[in-house]
């Protein structure tokens, strides 16, 4: 049996809470922090120790896992005043999961040195399918591939929605249309599996908030710009981003009831 790790977990939102629970379930020693005290309380019920601040959360950690809304929050938590980097023990590893979606339960995409990857692997295996954890190269590789994965998935979603809507309006039976698409060269994992939640059960629950969709689309375009390639702005990608922006206009930030700022120190009501 592999040695239990001392893990700090910062960010207990929609995905972070599930990941934290899995790490606790497998016996690792987890200390958790979030601005939302109710989220921290839920984490303690699944085995985590609560921490009053980021610095105290990471004080004796071998591995820090963060699951936060976006790059600004990540920078603030890691590098802000009394942030995690200054408080982490020498040699600790940071595992940044903040582009996570429901896909994290199926696949883990990692970047970093081989040595760091090996040290983090026992914890990663508690979060994702051990057979689908991939080391992709130096730091940042996993982050970039995850953005591209999400970009592809979002384009599949909008294309499938358009195809089904137009087909039904043209008089084609929905089930027959779906079956034809599955058995055609246009088939994808999204068409064959993910869209069935809507077709079979009318399940429109927000598994991945539209605010996060717009964030990840923007980050994917930024990635292309950073690499000095023309940003991917084809009709479907643009339509996906524009539709998502309209869908979330006026809604709470990232669908969270927690305060939006991450001061990197203490909970606002502590």
C-alpha atoms as a PDB file:
ATOM      1  CA  UNK A   1       0.000   0.000   0.000  1.00  0.00           C
ATOM      2  CA  UNK A   2       1.316   3.448  -0.903  1.00  0.00           C
ATOM      3  CA  UNK A   3       2.144   5.915   1.841  1.00  0.00           C
ATOM      4  CA  UNK A   4      -0.588   8.322   2.867  1.00  0.00           C
ATOM      5  CA  UNK A   5       0.167  11.911   1.885  1.00  0.00           C
ATOM      6  CA  UNK A   6      -0.414  15.149   3.773  1.00  0.00           C
ATOM      7  CA  UNK A   7      -2.692  17.060   1.405  1.00  0.00           C
ATOM      8  CA  UNK A   8      -3.924  20.648   1.561  1.00  0.00           C
ATOM      9  CA  UNK A   9      -7.086  21.373  -0.418  1.00  0.00           C
ATOM     10  CA  UNK A  10      -8.082  24.962  -1.255  1.00  0.00           C
ATOM     11  CA  UNK A  11     -11.366  25.549  -3.094  1.00  0.00           C
ATOM     12  CA  UNK A  12     -14.386  23.421  -2.180  1.00  0.00           C
ATOM     13  CA  UNK A  13     -16.885  24.383  -4.860  1.00  0.00           C
ATOM     14  CA  UNK A  14     -18.860  22.196  -7.249  1.00  0.00           C
ATOM     15  CA  UNK A  15     -15.902  20.050  -8.287  1.00  0.00           C
ATOM     16  CA  UNK A  16     -13.445  20.773  -5.484  1.00  0.00           C
ATOM     17  CA  UNK A  17     -15.766  19.360  -2.841  1.00  0.00           C
ATOM     18  CA  UNK A  18     -16.057  16.037  -4.674  1.00  0.00           C
ATOM     19  CA  UNK A  19     -12.319  15.782  -5.275  1.00  0.00           C
ATOM     20  CA  UNK A  20     -11.585  16.582  -1.634  1.00  0.00           C
ATOM     21  CA  UNK A  21     -14.008  13.891  -0.509  1.00  0.00           C
ATOM     22  CA  UNK A  22     -12.335  11.289  -2.718  1.00  0.00           C
ATOM     23  CA  UNK A  23      -8.878  12.143  -1.389  1.00  0.00           C
ATOM     24  CA  UNK A  24     -10.181  11.804   2.186  1.00  0.00           C
ATOM     25  CA  UNK A  25     -11.939   8.529   1.415  1.00  0.00           C
ATOM     26  CA  UNK A  26      -8.669   6.944   0.344  1.00  0.00           C
ATOM     27  CA  UNK A  27      -7.065   7.769   3.675  1.00  0.00           C
ATOM     28  CA  UNK A  28      -4.833  10.722   2.883  1.00  0.00           C
ATOM     29  CA  UNK A  29      -4.512  13.358   5.619  1.00  0.00           C
ATOM     30  CA  UNK A  30      -6.428  16.319   4.214  1.00  0.00           C
ATOM     31  CA  UNK A  31      -6.622  19.894   5.516  1.00  0.00           C
ATOM     32  CA  UNK A  32      -9.176  22.074   3.710  1.00  0.00           C
ATOM     33  CA  UNK A  33      -9.906  25.776   3.250  1.00  0.00           C
ATOM     34  CA  UNK A  34     -12.580  27.750   1.410  1.00  0.00           C
ATOM     35  CA  UNK A  35     -14.096  31.194   1.851  1.00  0.00           C
ATOM     36  CA  UNK A  36     -17.461  29.497   2.269  1.00  0.00           C
ATOM     37  CA  UNK A  37     -17.539  28.122   5.803  1.00  0.00           C
ATOM     38  CA  UNK A  38     -20.448  25.830   4.951  1.00  0.00           C
ATOM     39  CA  UNK A  39     -18.297  24.207   2.278  1.00  0.00           C
ATOM     40  CA  UNK A  40     -15.519  23.687   4.831  1.00  0.00           C
ATOM     41  CA  UNK A  41     -18.027  22.181   7.274  1.00  0.00           C
ATOM     42  CA  UNK A  42     -19.163  19.720   4.609  1.00  0.00           C
ATOM     43  CA  UNK A  43     -15.547  18.764   3.933  1.00  0.00           C
ATOM     44  CA  UNK A  44     -14.922  18.067   7.624  1.00  0.00           C
ATOM     45  CA  UNK A  45     -17.872  15.677   7.647  1.00  0.00           C
ATOM     46  CA  UNK A  46     -16.099  13.625   4.977  1.00  0.00           C
ATOM     47  CA  UNK A  47     -12.797  13.502   6.875  1.00  0.00           C
ATOM     48  CA  UNK A  48     -10.913  16.751   6.207  1.00  0.00           C
ATOM     49  CA  UNK A  49      -9.497  18.992   8.925  1.00  0.00           C
ATOM     50  CA  UNK A  50     -10.678  22.631   8.697  1.00  0.00           C
ATOM     51  CA  UNK A  51      -8.173  25.483   8.378  1.00  0.00           C
ATOM     52  CA  UNK A  52      -8.887  29.163   9.098  1.00  0.00           C
ATOM     53  CA  UNK A  53      -6.607  30.472   6.322  1.00  0.00           C
ATOM     54  CA  UNK A  54      -4.728  29.445   3.197  1.00  0.00           C
ATOM     55  CA  UNK A  55      -1.376  29.756   4.986  1.00  0.00           C
ATOM     56  CA  UNK A  56      -2.442  27.492   7.846  1.00  0.00           C
ATOM     57  CA  UNK A  57      -4.045  25.042   5.453  1.00  0.00           C
ATOM     58  CA  UNK A  58      -0.770  24.428   3.602  1.00  0.00           C
ATOM     59  CA  UNK A  59       1.652  24.740   6.526  1.00  0.00           C
ATOM     60  CA  UNK A  60       2.663  21.048   6.656  1.00  0.00           C
ATOM     61  CA  UNK A  61       1.384  19.856   3.274  1.00  0.00           C
ATOM     62  CA  UNK A  62       3.339  17.592   0.949  1.00  0.00           C
ATOM     63  CA  UNK A  63       0.824  18.271  -1.828  1.00  0.00           C
ATOM     64  CA  UNK A  64      -1.443  21.286  -2.325  1.00  0.00           C
ATOM     65  CA  UNK A  65      -4.501  20.878  -4.554  1.00  0.00           C
ATOM     66  CA  UNK A  66      -6.366  24.000  -5.674  1.00  0.00           C
ATOM     67  CA  UNK A  67      -9.759  24.098  -7.391  1.00  0.00           C
ATOM     68  CA  UNK A  68     -10.689  27.747  -7.959  1.00  0.00           C
ATOM     69  CA  UNK A  69     -12.861  29.811 -10.348  1.00  0.00           C
ATOM     70  CA  UNK A  70     -10.087  31.098 -12.617  1.00  0.00           C
ATOM     71  CA  UNK A  71      -6.538  32.421 -13.121  1.00  0.00           C
ATOM     72  CA  UNK A  72      -7.021  35.579 -11.044  1.00  0.00           C
ATOM     73  CA  UNK A  73      -8.099  33.562  -8.006  1.00  0.00           C
ATOM     74  CA  UNK A  74      -5.295  31.051  -8.519  1.00  0.00           C
ATOM     75  CA  UNK A  75      -2.691  33.817  -8.601  1.00  0.00           C
ATOM     76  CA  UNK A  76      -4.156  35.433  -5.505  1.00  0.00           C
ATOM     77  CA  UNK A  77      -4.284  32.201  -3.505  1.00  0.00           C
ATOM     78  CA  UNK A  78      -0.809  31.058  -4.517  1.00  0.00           C
ATOM     79  CA  UNK A  79       1.117  34.330  -4.712  1.00  0.00           C
ATOM     80  CA  UNK A  80      -0.932  36.915  -2.819  1.00  0.00           C
ATOM     81  CA  UNK A  81      -0.169  38.280   0.661  1.00  0.00           C
ATOM     82  CA  UNK A  82       0.102  35.335   3.068  1.00  0.00           C
ATOM     83  CA  UNK A  83      -0.575  33.060   0.113  1.00  0.00           C
ATOM     84  CA  UNK A  84       0.235  29.395  -0.287  1.00  0.00           C
ATOM     85  CA  UNK A  85       3.642  29.587  -1.990  1.00  0.00           C
ATOM     86  CA  UNK A  86       5.219  31.496   0.892  1.00  0.00           C
ATOM     87  CA  UNK A  87       3.746  29.118   3.472  1.00  0.00           C
ATOM     88  CA  UNK A  88       4.320  25.732   1.798  1.00  0.00           C
ATOM     89  CA  UNK A  89       7.165  23.548   3.126  1.00  0.00           C
ATOM     90  CA  UNK A  90      10.229  23.250   0.898  1.00  0.00           C
ATOM     91  CA  UNK A  91       9.735  20.516  -1.685  1.00  0.00           C
ATOM     92  CA  UNK A  92       5.934  20.542  -1.619  1.00  0.00           C
ATOM     93  CA  UNK A  93       4.036  19.996  -4.876  1.00  0.00           C
ATOM     94  CA  UNK A  94       1.204  22.200  -6.175  1.00  0.00           C
ATOM     95  CA  UNK A  95      -1.502  20.422  -8.186  1.00  0.00           C
ATOM     96  CA  UNK A  96      -3.637  23.085  -9.867  1.00  0.00           C
ATOM     97  CA  UNK A  97      -7.064  21.719 -10.863  1.00  0.00           C
ATOM     98  CA  UNK A  98      -8.912  24.945 -11.578  1.00  0.00           C
ATOM     99  CA  UNK A  99     -10.000  24.136 -15.129  1.00  0.00           C
ATOM    100  CA  UNK A 100     -11.847  21.120 -13.788  1.00  0.00           C
ATOM    101  CA  UNK A 101     -15.237  19.933 -15.010  1.00  0.00           C
ATOM    102  CA  UNK A 102     -17.182  16.718 -14.662  1.00  0.00           C
ATOM    103  CA  UNK A 103     -14.650  15.131 -17.026  1.00  0.00           C
ATOM    104  CA  UNK A 104     -12.125  15.081 -14.164  1.00  0.00           C
ATOM    105  CA  UNK A 105     -13.799  11.895 -12.951  1.00  0.00           C
ATOM    106  CA  UNK A 106     -12.912  10.233 -16.249  1.00  0.00           C
ATOM    107  CA  UNK A 107      -9.496  11.600 -17.164  1.00  0.00           C
ATOM    108  CA  UNK A 108      -6.583  13.416 -15.513  1.00  0.00           C
ATOM    109  CA  UNK A 109      -4.154  15.456 -17.607  1.00  0.00           C
ATOM    110  CA  UNK A 110      -0.895  16.301 -15.855  1.00  0.00           C
ATOM    111  CA  UNK A 111       2.094  18.507 -16.615  1.00  0.00           C
ATOM    112  CA  UNK A 112       5.322  18.774 -14.630  1.00  0.00           C
ATOM    113  CA  UNK A 113       8.540  16.900 -14.033  1.00  0.00           C
ATOM    114  CA  UNK A 114       8.445  13.102 -14.010  1.00  0.00           C
ATOM    115  CA  UNK A 115       9.581  13.122 -10.379  1.00  0.00           C
ATOM    116  CA  UNK A 116       6.812  15.481  -9.252  1.00  0.00           C
ATOM    117  CA  UNK A 117       4.259  13.501 -11.255  1.00  0.00           C
ATOM    118  CA  UNK A 118       5.323  10.295  -9.532  1.00  0.00           C
ATOM    119  CA  UNK A 119       4.986  11.860  -6.105  1.00  0.00           C
ATOM    120  CA  UNK A 120       1.525  13.232  -6.878  1.00  0.00           C
ATOM    121  CA  UNK A 121       0.249  10.082  -8.593  1.00  0.00           C
ATOM    122  CA  UNK A 122      -1.116   8.324  -5.451  1.00  0.00           C
ATOM    123  CA  UNK A 123      -3.349  11.338  -4.826  1.00  0.00           C
ATOM    124  CA  UNK A 124      -4.320  11.801  -8.483  1.00  0.00           C
ATOM    125  CA  UNK A 125      -5.415   8.159  -8.572  1.00  0.00           C
ATOM    126  CA  UNK A 126      -8.003   8.887  -5.878  1.00  0.00           C
ATOM    127  CA  UNK A 127      -9.532  11.663  -8.014  1.00  0.00           C
ATOM    128  CA  UNK A 128      -9.550  10.227 -11.541  1.00  0.00           C
ATOM    129  CA  UNK A 129      -9.597   6.839 -13.225  1.00  0.00           C
ATOM    130  CA  UNK A 130      -6.070   5.418 -12.633  1.00  0.00           C
ATOM    131  CA  UNK A 131      -6.019   4.024 -16.192  1.00  0.00           C
ATOM    132  CA  UNK A 132      -6.706   7.491 -17.621  1.00  0.00           C
ATOM    133  CA  UNK A 133      -4.080   9.637 -15.875  1.00  0.00           C
ATOM    134  CA  UNK A 134      -1.676  11.019 -18.453  1.00  0.00           C
ATOM    135  CA  UNK A 135       1.646  12.796 -18.022  1.00  0.00           C
ATOM    136  CA  UNK A 136       1.782  15.190 -20.976  1.00  0.00           C
ATOM    137  CA  UNK A 137       5.061  17.055 -20.520  1.00  0.00           C
ATOM    138  CA  UNK A 138       6.403  20.063 -18.591  1.00  0.00           C
ATOM    139  CA  UNK A 139       4.386  22.272 -16.254  1.00  0.00           C
ATOM    140  CA  UNK A 140       1.413  23.818 -18.027  1.00  0.00           C
ATOM    141  CA  UNK A 141       0.941  20.963 -20.509  1.00  0.00           C
ATOM    142  CA  UNK A 142      -2.005  19.442 -18.674  1.00  0.00           C
ATOM    143  CA  UNK A 143      -3.615  22.847 -18.251  1.00  0.00           C
ATOM    144  CA  UNK A 144      -3.332  23.597 -21.977  1.00  0.00           C
ATOM    145  CA  UNK A 145      -4.672  20.225 -23.089  1.00  0.00           C
ATOM    146  CA  UNK A 146      -7.615  20.516 -20.692  1.00  0.00           C
ATOM    147  CA  UNK A 147      -8.560  23.884 -22.217  1.00  0.00           C
ATOM    148  CA  UNK A 148      -8.429  22.346 -25.684  1.00  0.00           C
ATOM    149  CA  UNK A 149     -10.472  19.359 -24.493  1.00  0.00           C
ATOM    150  CA  UNK A 150     -13.138  21.706 -23.138  1.00  0.00           C
ATOM    151  CA  UNK A 151     -13.087  23.823 -26.304  1.00  0.00           C
ATOM    152  CA  UNK A 152     -13.695  20.706 -28.414  1.00  0.00           C
ATOM    153  CA  UNK A 153     -16.448  19.495 -26.078  1.00  0.00           C
ATOM    154  CA  UNK A 154     -18.259  22.857 -26.151  1.00  0.00           C
ATOM    155  CA  UNK A 155     -18.169  22.971 -29.957  1.00  0.00           C
ATOM    156  CA  UNK A 156     -19.547  19.412 -30.066  1.00  0.00           C
ATOM    157  CA  UNK A 157     -22.347  20.498 -27.725  1.00  0.00           C
ATOM    158  CA  UNK A 158     -23.466  23.464 -29.821  1.00  0.00           C
ATOM    159  CA  UNK A 159     -23.161  21.536 -33.090  1.00  0.00           C
ATOM    160  CA  UNK A 160     -25.201  18.625 -31.716  1.00  0.00           C
ATOM    161  CA  UNK A 161     -27.866  20.941 -30.314  1.00  0.00           C
ATOM    162  CA  UNK A 162     -28.202  22.671 -33.689  1.00  0.00           C
ATOM    163  CA  UNK A 163     -28.364  19.393 -35.608  1.00  0.00           C
ATOM    164  CA  UNK A 164     -31.039  17.909 -33.345  1.00  0.00           C
ATOM    165  CA  UNK A 165     -33.121  21.087 -33.273  1.00  0.00           C
ATOM    166  CA  UNK A 166     -33.040  21.555 -37.052  1.00  0.00           C
ATOM    167  CA  UNK A 167     -33.730  17.866 -37.680  1.00  0.00           C
ATOM    168  CA  UNK A 168     -36.788  17.770 -35.432  1.00  0.00           C
ATOM    169  CA  UNK A 169     -38.149  20.985 -36.958  1.00  0.00           C
ATOM    170  CA  UNK A 170     -37.695  19.368 -40.373  1.00  0.00           C
ATOM    171  CA  UNK A 171     -39.944  16.506 -39.275  1.00  0.00           C
ATOM    172  CA  UNK A 172     -37.387  13.817 -38.342  1.00  0.00           C
ATOM    173  CA  UNK A 173     -38.163  11.728 -35.257  1.00  0.00           C
ATOM    174  CA  UNK A 174     -35.710  12.651 -32.474  1.00  0.00           C
ATOM    175  CA  UNK A 175     -34.747   9.089 -31.524  1.00  0.00           C
ATOM    176  CA  UNK A 176     -34.260   8.080 -35.145  1.00  0.00           C
ATOM    177  CA  UNK A 177     -32.196  11.189 -35.793  1.00  0.00           C
ATOM    178  CA  UNK A 178     -29.996  10.449 -32.809  1.00  0.00           C
ATOM    179  CA  UNK A 179     -29.539   6.823 -33.864  1.00  0.00           C
ATOM    180  CA  UNK A 180     -28.549   7.919 -37.360  1.00  0.00           C
ATOM    181  CA  UNK A 181     -25.965  10.363 -35.998  1.00  0.00           C
ATOM    182  CA  UNK A 182     -24.482   7.725 -33.673  1.00  0.00           C
ATOM    183  CA  UNK A 183     -23.980   5.343 -36.612  1.00  0.00           C
ATOM    184  CA  UNK A 184     -22.584   8.016 -38.912  1.00  0.00           C
ATOM    185  CA  UNK A 185     -19.083   9.455 -39.427  1.00  0.00           C
ATOM    186  CA  UNK A 186     -20.306  12.483 -37.413  1.00  0.00           C
ATOM    187  CA  UNK A 187     -20.568  10.408 -34.215  1.00  0.00           C
ATOM    188  CA  UNK A 188     -18.736  11.555 -31.103  1.00  0.00           C
ATOM    189  CA  UNK A 189     -18.616  10.635 -27.430  1.00  0.00           C
ATOM    190  CA  UNK A 190     -20.866  13.622 -26.752  1.00  0.00           C
ATOM    191  CA  UNK A 191     -23.518  12.533 -29.277  1.00  0.00           C
ATOM    192  CA  UNK A 192     -23.456   8.893 -28.255  1.00  0.00           C
ATOM    193  CA  UNK A 193     -23.385   9.308 -24.473  1.00  0.00           C
ATOM    194  CA  UNK A 194     -23.621  12.790 -22.984  1.00  0.00           C
ATOM    195  CA  UNK A 195     -26.649  14.054 -24.900  1.00  0.00           C
ATOM    196  CA  UNK A 196     -28.667  11.015 -23.760  1.00  0.00           C
ATOM    197  CA  UNK A 197     -29.131  12.636 -20.335  1.00  0.00           C
ATOM    198  CA  UNK A 198     -31.347  15.215 -22.037  1.00  0.00           C
ATOM    199  CA  UNK A 199     -33.019  12.891 -24.545  1.00  0.00           C
ATOM    200  CA  UNK A 200     -33.819  10.136 -22.015  1.00  0.00           C
ATOM    201  CA  UNK A 201     -34.585  12.044 -18.834  1.00  0.00           C
ATOM    202  CA  UNK A 202     -34.996  15.690 -19.777  1.00  0.00           C
ATOM    203  CA  UNK A 203     -32.014  16.332 -17.495  1.00  0.00           C
ATOM    204  CA  UNK A 204     -31.056  19.989 -17.913  1.00  0.00           C
ATOM    205  CA  UNK A 205     -29.263  20.207 -14.540  1.00  0.00           C
ATOM    206  CA  UNK A 206     -26.232  22.486 -14.656  1.00  0.00           C
ATOM    207  CA  UNK A 207     -23.394  20.005 -14.382  1.00  0.00           C
ATOM    208  CA  UNK A 208     -20.903  22.596 -15.630  1.00  0.00           C
ATOM    209  CA  UNK A 209     -21.903  26.226 -15.116  1.00  0.00           C
ATOM    210  CA  UNK A 210     -22.258  28.338 -18.259  1.00  0.00           C
ATOM    211  CA  UNK A 211     -20.154  31.026 -16.612  1.00  0.00           C
ATOM    212  CA  UNK A 212     -17.301  28.518 -16.542  1.00  0.00           C
ATOM    213  CA  UNK A 213     -17.944  27.701 -20.196  1.00  0.00           C
ATOM    214  CA  UNK A 214     -17.390  31.337 -21.173  1.00  0.00           C
ATOM    215  CA  UNK A 215     -14.284  31.470 -18.970  1.00  0.00           C
ATOM    216  CA  UNK A 216     -12.727  28.375 -20.547  1.00  0.00           C
ATOM    217  CA  UNK A 217     -13.556  29.498 -24.093  1.00  0.00           C
ATOM    218  CA  UNK A 218     -11.829  32.799 -23.376  1.00  0.00           C
ATOM    219  CA  UNK A 219      -8.794  31.018 -21.902  1.00  0.00           C
ATOM    220  CA  UNK A 220      -8.551  28.752 -24.948  1.00  0.00           C
ATOM    221  CA  UNK A 221      -8.505  31.788 -27.231  1.00  0.00           C
ATOM    222  CA  UNK A 222      -5.864  33.377 -24.977  1.00  0.00           C
ATOM    223  CA  UNK A 223      -3.777  30.199 -25.247  1.00  0.00           C
ATOM    224  CA  UNK A 224      -3.848  30.402 -29.046  1.00  0.00           C
ATOM    225  CA  UNK A 225      -2.908  34.096 -28.888  1.00  0.00           C
ATOM    226  CA  UNK A 226      -0.032  33.387 -26.487  1.00  0.00           C
ATOM    227  CA  UNK A 227       1.341  30.810 -28.915  1.00  0.00           C
ATOM    228  CA  UNK A 228       1.194  33.430 -31.699  1.00  0.00           C
ATOM    229  CA  UNK A 229      -1.334  31.445 -33.671  1.00  0.00           C
ATOM    230  CA  UNK A 230      -4.575  33.043 -34.849  1.00  0.00           C
ATOM    231  CA  UNK A 231      -7.200  32.409 -32.162  1.00  0.00           C
ATOM    232  CA  UNK A 232      -9.781  29.783 -33.073  1.00  0.00           C
ATOM    233  CA  UNK A 233     -12.760  31.954 -33.981  1.00  0.00           C
ATOM    234  CA  UNK A 234     -14.703  29.835 -36.474  1.00  0.00           C
ATOM    235  CA  UNK A 235     -18.489  30.184 -36.669  1.00  0.00           C
ATOM    236  CA  UNK A 236     -19.225  27.380 -34.207  1.00  0.00           C
ATOM    237  CA  UNK A 237     -16.673  28.480 -31.607  1.00  0.00           C
ATOM    238  CA  UNK A 238     -17.866  32.066 -31.826  1.00  0.00           C
ATOM    239  CA  UNK A 239     -21.498  31.005 -31.656  1.00  0.00           C
ATOM    240  CA  UNK A 240     -20.746  28.853 -28.598  1.00  0.00           C
ATOM    241  CA  UNK A 241     -19.099  31.711 -26.745  1.00  0.00           C
ATOM    242  CA  UNK A 242     -21.748  34.265 -27.721  1.00  0.00           C
ATOM    243  CA  UNK A 243     -24.609  31.956 -26.751  1.00  0.00           C
ATOM    244  CA  UNK A 244     -22.970  31.153 -23.434  1.00  0.00           C
ATOM    245  CA  UNK A 245     -22.420  34.841 -22.651  1.00  0.00           C
ATOM    246  CA  UNK A 246     -26.081  35.584 -23.321  1.00  0.00           C
ATOM    247  CA  UNK A 247     -27.183  32.609 -21.218  1.00  0.00           C
ATOM    248  CA  UNK A 248     -25.351  33.744 -18.107  1.00  0.00           C
ATOM    249  CA  UNK A 249     -26.026  37.495 -18.315  1.00  0.00           C
ATOM    250  CA  UNK A 250     -26.996  38.718 -14.877  1.00  0.00           C
ATOM    251  CA  UNK A 251     -26.420  35.408 -13.112  1.00  0.00           C
ATOM    252  CA  UNK A 252     -24.223  35.007  -9.984  1.00  0.00           C
ATOM    253  CA  UNK A 253     -20.526  34.696 -10.684  1.00  0.00           C
ATOM    254  CA  UNK A 254     -19.584  31.072 -11.453  1.00  0.00           C
ATOM    255  CA  UNK A 255     -22.933  29.994 -10.030  1.00  0.00           C
ATOM    256  CA  UNK A 256     -21.512  30.264  -6.514  1.00  0.00           C
ATOM    257  CA  UNK A 257     -23.028  31.770  -3.412  1.00  0.00           C
ATOM    258  CA  UNK A 258     -19.563  32.274  -1.934  1.00  0.00           C
ATOM    259  CA  UNK A 259     -17.882  35.707  -1.877  1.00  0.00           C
ATOM    260  CA  UNK A 260     -16.001  36.192  -5.172  1.00  0.00           C
ATOM    261  CA  UNK A 261     -12.719  37.457  -3.716  1.00  0.00           C
ATOM    262  CA  UNK A 262      -9.960  35.153  -2.527  1.00  0.00           C
ATOM    263  CA  UNK A 263      -7.782  37.198  -0.177  1.00  0.00           C
ATOM    264  CA  UNK A 264      -5.549  34.239   0.534  1.00  0.00           C
ATOM    265  CA  UNK A 265      -5.714  34.857   4.273  1.00  0.00           C
ATOM    266  CA  UNK A 266      -8.831  34.191   6.326  1.00  0.00           C
ATOM    267  CA  UNK A 267     -12.538  33.645   5.821  1.00  0.00           C
ATOM    268  CA  UNK A 268     -14.411  36.977   5.773  1.00  0.00           C
ATOM    269  CA  UNK A 269     -16.392  36.106   8.881  1.00  0.00           C
ATOM    270  CA  UNK A 270     -13.588  34.502  10.886  1.00  0.00           C
END
